[in-house]
């Protein structure tokens, strides 16, 4: 289930051949150039996976934050002594 966000207008510079293939795909599938580009970006950025994870999430945001902090602390190197610098 893909979450829909507000659309924004942007300008980008892409390879001429890439734009040609965007236009071909858009014509073949009956969608806009923008839809082809957005779908390609969503797929490449794995946003569909994120949407699925968020849709199936059962953990509260506070619990998820707590676990993230615990994991961060578990992976940090241990500090030596009482902060004294070694020479």
C-alpha atoms as a PDB file:
ATOM      1  CA  UNK A   1       0.000   0.000   0.000  1.00  0.00           C
ATOM      2  CA  UNK A   2       1.758   3.118  -1.207  1.00  0.00           C
ATOM      3  CA  UNK A   3       1.286   6.281   0.829  1.00  0.00           C
ATOM      4  CA  UNK A   4       0.499   9.264  -1.363  1.00  0.00           C
ATOM      5  CA  UNK A   5       2.316  12.475  -0.641  1.00  0.00           C
ATOM      6  CA  UNK A   6       1.670  15.975  -1.951  1.00  0.00           C
ATOM      7  CA  UNK A   7       3.167  16.515  -5.372  1.00  0.00           C
ATOM      8  CA  UNK A   8       5.811  19.161  -5.974  1.00  0.00           C
ATOM      9  CA  UNK A   9       7.124  20.528  -9.234  1.00  0.00           C
ATOM     10  CA  UNK A  10      10.851  20.186  -9.883  1.00  0.00           C
ATOM     11  CA  UNK A  11      13.320  20.509 -12.711  1.00  0.00           C
ATOM     12  CA  UNK A  12      15.950  17.902 -13.406  1.00  0.00           C
ATOM     13  CA  UNK A  13      18.621  17.380 -16.007  1.00  0.00           C
ATOM     14  CA  UNK A  14      18.842  13.845 -17.379  1.00  0.00           C
ATOM     15  CA  UNK A  15      20.495  12.101 -20.280  1.00  0.00           C
ATOM     16  CA  UNK A  16      18.693  12.608 -23.585  1.00  0.00           C
ATOM     17  CA  UNK A  17      18.456   8.855 -24.221  1.00  0.00           C
ATOM     18  CA  UNK A  18      16.960   8.266 -20.759  1.00  0.00           C
ATOM     19  CA  UNK A  19      14.263  10.866 -21.486  1.00  0.00           C
ATOM     20  CA  UNK A  20      13.570   9.180 -24.835  1.00  0.00           C
ATOM     21  CA  UNK A  21      12.960   5.857 -23.047  1.00  0.00           C
ATOM     22  CA  UNK A  22      10.821   7.561 -20.405  1.00  0.00           C
ATOM     23  CA  UNK A  23       8.629   8.961 -23.167  1.00  0.00           C
ATOM     24  CA  UNK A  24       8.436   5.571 -24.919  1.00  0.00           C
ATOM     25  CA  UNK A  25       7.426   3.813 -21.684  1.00  0.00           C
ATOM     26  CA  UNK A  26       4.873   6.545 -20.929  1.00  0.00           C
ATOM     27  CA  UNK A  27       3.326   6.207 -24.393  1.00  0.00           C
ATOM     28  CA  UNK A  28       3.212   2.394 -24.207  1.00  0.00           C
ATOM     29  CA  UNK A  29       1.644   2.332 -20.745  1.00  0.00           C
ATOM     30  CA  UNK A  30      -0.647   5.340 -21.151  1.00  0.00           C
ATOM     31  CA  UNK A  31       0.744   7.287 -18.206  1.00  0.00           C
ATOM     32  CA  UNK A  32       2.570  10.602 -17.951  1.00  0.00           C
ATOM     33  CA  UNK A  33       6.323  11.048 -18.169  1.00  0.00           C
ATOM     34  CA  UNK A  34       6.227  12.161 -14.536  1.00  0.00           C
ATOM     35  CA  UNK A  35       4.481   8.938 -13.503  1.00  0.00           C
ATOM     36  CA  UNK A  36       7.148   6.840 -15.241  1.00  0.00           C
ATOM     37  CA  UNK A  37       9.972   8.775 -13.573  1.00  0.00           C
ATOM     38  CA  UNK A  38       8.315   8.688 -10.140  1.00  0.00           C
ATOM     39  CA  UNK A  39       7.598   4.956 -10.344  1.00  0.00           C
ATOM     40  CA  UNK A  40      11.198   4.290 -11.395  1.00  0.00           C
ATOM     41  CA  UNK A  41      12.557   6.363  -8.519  1.00  0.00           C
ATOM     42  CA  UNK A  42      10.220   4.691  -6.016  1.00  0.00           C
ATOM     43  CA  UNK A  43      11.340   1.261  -7.200  1.00  0.00           C
ATOM     44  CA  UNK A  44      15.038   2.174  -7.194  1.00  0.00           C
ATOM     45  CA  UNK A  45      14.815   3.795  -3.744  1.00  0.00           C
ATOM     46  CA  UNK A  46      12.890   0.770  -2.425  1.00  0.00           C
ATOM     47  CA  UNK A  47      10.047   2.994  -1.234  1.00  0.00           C
ATOM     48  CA  UNK A  48       7.566   0.181  -1.889  1.00  0.00           C
ATOM     49  CA  UNK A  49       9.427  -1.906   0.700  1.00  0.00           C
ATOM     50  CA  UNK A  50       9.285   0.952   3.202  1.00  0.00           C
ATOM     51  CA  UNK A  51       5.563   1.439   2.566  1.00  0.00           C
ATOM     52  CA  UNK A  52       4.961  -2.261   3.197  1.00  0.00           C
ATOM     53  CA  UNK A  53       7.004  -2.187   6.401  1.00  0.00           C
ATOM     54  CA  UNK A  54       5.150   0.870   7.687  1.00  0.00           C
ATOM     55  CA  UNK A  55       1.784  -0.662   6.793  1.00  0.00           C
ATOM     56  CA  UNK A  56       2.608  -3.824   8.774  1.00  0.00           C
ATOM     57  CA  UNK A  57       4.320  -2.112  11.706  1.00  0.00           C
ATOM     58  CA  UNK A  58       2.840  -3.011  15.077  1.00  0.00           C
ATOM     59  CA  UNK A  59       5.452  -1.424  17.335  1.00  0.00           C
ATOM     60  CA  UNK A  60       4.827   2.018  18.817  1.00  0.00           C
ATOM     61  CA  UNK A  61       7.084   4.845  17.740  1.00  0.00           C
ATOM     62  CA  UNK A  62       8.437   5.260  21.287  1.00  0.00           C
ATOM     63  CA  UNK A  63       9.309   1.540  21.548  1.00  0.00           C
ATOM     64  CA  UNK A  64      10.986   1.648  18.116  1.00  0.00           C
ATOM     65  CA  UNK A  65      13.028   4.684  19.210  1.00  0.00           C
ATOM     66  CA  UNK A  66      14.008   2.919  22.432  1.00  0.00           C
ATOM     67  CA  UNK A  67      15.221  -0.142  20.499  1.00  0.00           C
ATOM     68  CA  UNK A  68      17.126   2.047  18.037  1.00  0.00           C
ATOM     69  CA  UNK A  69      18.964   3.806  20.883  1.00  0.00           C
ATOM     70  CA  UNK A  70      19.779   0.442  22.504  1.00  0.00           C
ATOM     71  CA  UNK A  71      21.167  -0.868  19.207  1.00  0.00           C
ATOM     72  CA  UNK A  72      23.199   2.283  18.726  1.00  0.00           C
ATOM     73  CA  UNK A  73      24.734   1.972  22.189  1.00  0.00           C
ATOM     74  CA  UNK A  74      25.453  -1.728  21.662  1.00  0.00           C
ATOM     75  CA  UNK A  75      27.455  -1.031  18.501  1.00  0.00           C
ATOM     76  CA  UNK A  76      29.494   1.923  19.777  1.00  0.00           C
ATOM     77  CA  UNK A  77      33.049   1.259  20.911  1.00  0.00           C
ATOM     78  CA  UNK A  78      33.477   1.336  24.670  1.00  0.00           C
ATOM     79  CA  UNK A  79      35.268   4.396  26.054  1.00  0.00           C
ATOM     80  CA  UNK A  80      38.398   3.745  28.080  1.00  0.00           C
ATOM     81  CA  UNK A  81      38.800   4.764  31.726  1.00  0.00           C
ATOM     82  CA  UNK A  82      37.460   8.012  33.137  1.00  0.00           C
ATOM     83  CA  UNK A  83      38.098  10.097  30.082  1.00  0.00           C
ATOM     84  CA  UNK A  84      41.842  10.557  30.654  1.00  0.00           C
ATOM     85  CA  UNK A  85      43.784  10.890  27.441  1.00  0.00           C
ATOM     86  CA  UNK A  86      46.514   8.365  26.640  1.00  0.00           C
ATOM     87  CA  UNK A  87      49.835   9.561  25.297  1.00  0.00           C
END
